C-alpha atoms as a PDB file:
ATOM      1  CA  UNK A   1       1.942 -28.352  29.555  1.00  0.00           C
ATOM      2  CA  UNK A   2      -0.220 -25.304  29.048  1.00  0.00           C
ATOM      3  CA  UNK A   3      -3.442 -25.239  27.041  1.00  0.00           C
ATOM      4  CA  UNK A   4      -3.441 -22.915  24.012  1.00  0.00           C
ATOM      5  CA  UNK A   5      -5.708 -20.407  25.746  1.00  0.00           C
ATOM      6  CA  UNK A   6      -3.295 -20.305  28.716  1.00  0.00           C
ATOM      7  CA  UNK A   7      -0.181 -19.535  26.640  1.00  0.00           C
ATOM      8  CA  UNK A   8       1.331 -16.069  26.758  1.00  0.00           C
ATOM      9  CA  UNK A   9       4.515 -14.086  26.365  1.00  0.00           C
ATOM     10  CA  UNK A  10       5.178 -11.081  28.592  1.00  0.00           C
ATOM     11  CA  UNK A  11       7.851  -8.506  27.742  1.00  0.00           C
ATOM     12  CA  UNK A  12       9.086  -5.959  30.265  1.00  0.00           C
ATOM     13  CA  UNK A  13      11.682  -3.226  29.730  1.00  0.00           C
ATOM     14  CA  UNK A  14      13.844  -1.980  32.614  1.00  0.00           C
ATOM     15  CA  UNK A  15      15.068   1.570  31.842  1.00  0.00           C
ATOM     16  CA  UNK A  16      17.610   1.520  34.681  1.00  0.00           C
ATOM     17  CA  UNK A  17      19.505  -1.521  33.394  1.00  0.00           C
ATOM     18  CA  UNK A  18      18.375  -0.948  29.775  1.00  0.00           C
ATOM     19  CA  UNK A  19      17.418  -4.597  29.552  1.00  0.00           C
ATOM     20  CA  UNK A  20      14.433  -6.461  28.148  1.00  0.00           C
ATOM     21  CA  UNK A  21      12.965  -9.274  30.256  1.00  0.00           C
ATOM     22  CA  UNK A  22      10.688 -11.929  28.801  1.00  0.00           C
ATOM     23  CA  UNK A  23       8.589 -14.659  30.369  1.00  0.00           C
ATOM     24  CA  UNK A  24       6.917 -17.119  28.036  1.00  0.00           C
ATOM     25  CA  UNK A  25       5.149 -20.441  28.047  1.00  0.00           C
ATOM     26  CA  UNK A  26       4.598 -20.334  24.284  1.00  0.00           C
ATOM     27  CA  UNK A  27       6.814 -23.084  22.753  1.00  0.00           C
ATOM     28  CA  UNK A  28       7.672 -21.295  19.501  1.00  0.00           C
ATOM     29  CA  UNK A  29       8.601 -18.113  21.408  1.00  0.00           C
ATOM     30  CA  UNK A  30      10.957 -20.116  23.650  1.00  0.00           C
ATOM     31  CA  UNK A  31      12.726 -21.389  20.527  1.00  0.00           C
ATOM     32  CA  UNK A  32      12.841 -17.932  18.925  1.00  0.00           C
ATOM     33  CA  UNK A  33      14.345 -16.301  22.021  1.00  0.00           C
ATOM     34  CA  UNK A  34      17.014 -19.021  22.133  1.00  0.00           C
ATOM     35  CA  UNK A  35      17.804 -18.757  18.407  1.00  0.00           C
ATOM     36  CA  UNK A  36      18.064 -14.967  18.618  1.00  0.00           C
ATOM     37  CA  UNK A  37      20.612 -15.230  21.428  1.00  0.00           C
ATOM     38  CA  UNK A  38      18.570 -14.001  24.392  1.00  0.00           C
ATOM     39  CA  UNK A  39      20.090 -15.106  27.720  1.00  0.00           C
ATOM     40  CA  UNK A  40      17.936 -17.774  29.320  1.00  0.00           C
ATOM     41  CA  UNK A  41      17.732 -17.030  33.035  1.00  0.00           C
ATOM     42  CA  UNK A  42      15.325 -19.756  34.142  1.00  0.00           C
ATOM     43  CA  UNK A  43      13.310 -22.603  32.655  1.00  0.00           C
ATOM     44  CA  UNK A  44      10.569 -24.940  33.762  1.00  0.00           C
ATOM     45  CA  UNK A  45      10.326 -28.466  32.393  1.00  0.00           C
ATOM     46  CA  UNK A  46       7.724 -31.185  32.543  1.00  0.00           C
ATOM     47  CA  UNK A  47       8.330 -34.763  31.367  1.00  0.00           C
ATOM     48  CA  UNK A  48      11.583 -33.677  29.707  1.00  0.00           C
ATOM     49  CA  UNK A  49       9.998 -30.823  27.722  1.00  0.00           C
ATOM     50  CA  UNK A  50      10.521 -27.134  28.391  1.00  0.00           C
ATOM     51  CA  UNK A  51       7.136 -25.603  29.204  1.00  0.00           C
ATOM     52  CA  UNK A  52       8.166 -22.066  30.230  1.00  0.00           C
ATOM     53  CA  UNK A  53      11.257 -19.885  30.392  1.00  0.00           C
ATOM     54  CA  UNK A  54      12.520 -16.417  31.253  1.00  0.00           C
ATOM     55  CA  UNK A  55      15.033 -14.509  29.156  1.00  0.00           C
ATOM     56  CA  UNK A  56      16.940 -11.214  29.185  1.00  0.00           C
ATOM     57  CA  UNK A  57      18.364  -9.184  26.320  1.00  0.00           C
ATOM     58  CA  UNK A  58      19.924  -5.754  25.771  1.00  0.00           C
ATOM     59  CA  UNK A  59      17.926  -2.679  24.800  1.00  0.00           C
ATOM     60  CA  UNK A  60      18.795  -3.168  21.118  1.00  0.00           C
ATOM     61  CA  UNK A  61      17.095  -6.586  20.945  1.00  0.00           C
ATOM     62  CA  UNK A  62      13.675  -5.027  20.278  1.00  0.00           C
ATOM     63  CA  UNK A  63      12.878  -2.007  18.141  1.00  0.00           C
ATOM     64  CA  UNK A  64       9.489  -0.307  18.251  1.00  0.00           C
ATOM     65  CA  UNK A  65       8.724   1.586  15.063  1.00  0.00           C
ATOM     66  CA  UNK A  66       6.517   4.576  14.466  1.00  0.00           C
ATOM     67  CA  UNK A  67       3.595   3.080  12.479  1.00  0.00           C
ATOM     68  CA  UNK A  68       3.473   6.091  10.151  1.00  0.00           C
ATOM     69  CA  UNK A  69       7.029   5.365   8.970  1.00  0.00           C
ATOM     70  CA  UNK A  70       6.545   1.697   8.110  1.00  0.00           C
ATOM     71  CA  UNK A  71       6.345   1.195   4.345  1.00  0.00           C
ATOM     72  CA  UNK A  72       3.080  -0.202   2.947  1.00  0.00           C
ATOM     73  CA  UNK A  73       1.317   0.058   6.304  1.00  0.00           C
ATOM     74  CA  UNK A  74      -2.302   1.080   6.446  1.00  0.00           C
ATOM     75  CA  UNK A  75      -2.613   4.590   7.874  1.00  0.00           C
ATOM     76  CA  UNK A  76      -3.254   4.183  11.608  1.00  0.00           C
ATOM     77  CA  UNK A  77      -6.170   1.806  11.036  1.00  0.00           C
ATOM     78  CA  UNK A  78      -5.482  -0.122  14.237  1.00  0.00           C
ATOM     79  CA  UNK A  79      -4.429   2.867  16.319  1.00  0.00           C
ATOM     80  CA  UNK A  80      -7.626   4.918  16.287  1.00  0.00           C
ATOM     81  CA  UNK A  81      -8.590   6.151  19.734  1.00  0.00           C
ATOM     82  CA  UNK A  82     -12.059   7.147  18.645  1.00  0.00           C
ATOM     83  CA  UNK A  83     -14.810   4.637  19.418  1.00  0.00           C
ATOM     84  CA  UNK A  84     -16.463   2.925  16.486  1.00  0.00           C
ATOM     85  CA  UNK A  85     -20.179   2.523  15.938  1.00  0.00           C
ATOM     86  CA  UNK A  86     -19.921  -1.024  17.336  1.00  0.00           C
ATOM     87  CA  UNK A  87     -18.667   0.141  20.739  1.00  0.00           C
END
């Protein structure tokens, strides 16, 4: 079992095969990938519980939106490249 500070989900897109690949040891992400129909390619278990897994999915499984086109979004507040006074 992984501690909370050790948990992570890594997504990788392969443009040649047009496939998303995911590795996660975050329990709720494992369940979400399964429920959304991602193909589970490998899993690691400990004491009968799944502690990590890898998944693949087609290009259409994830959509990345332009932040300016999302309704009710704050205008680029988290995308500023300029340093703030705190930096």
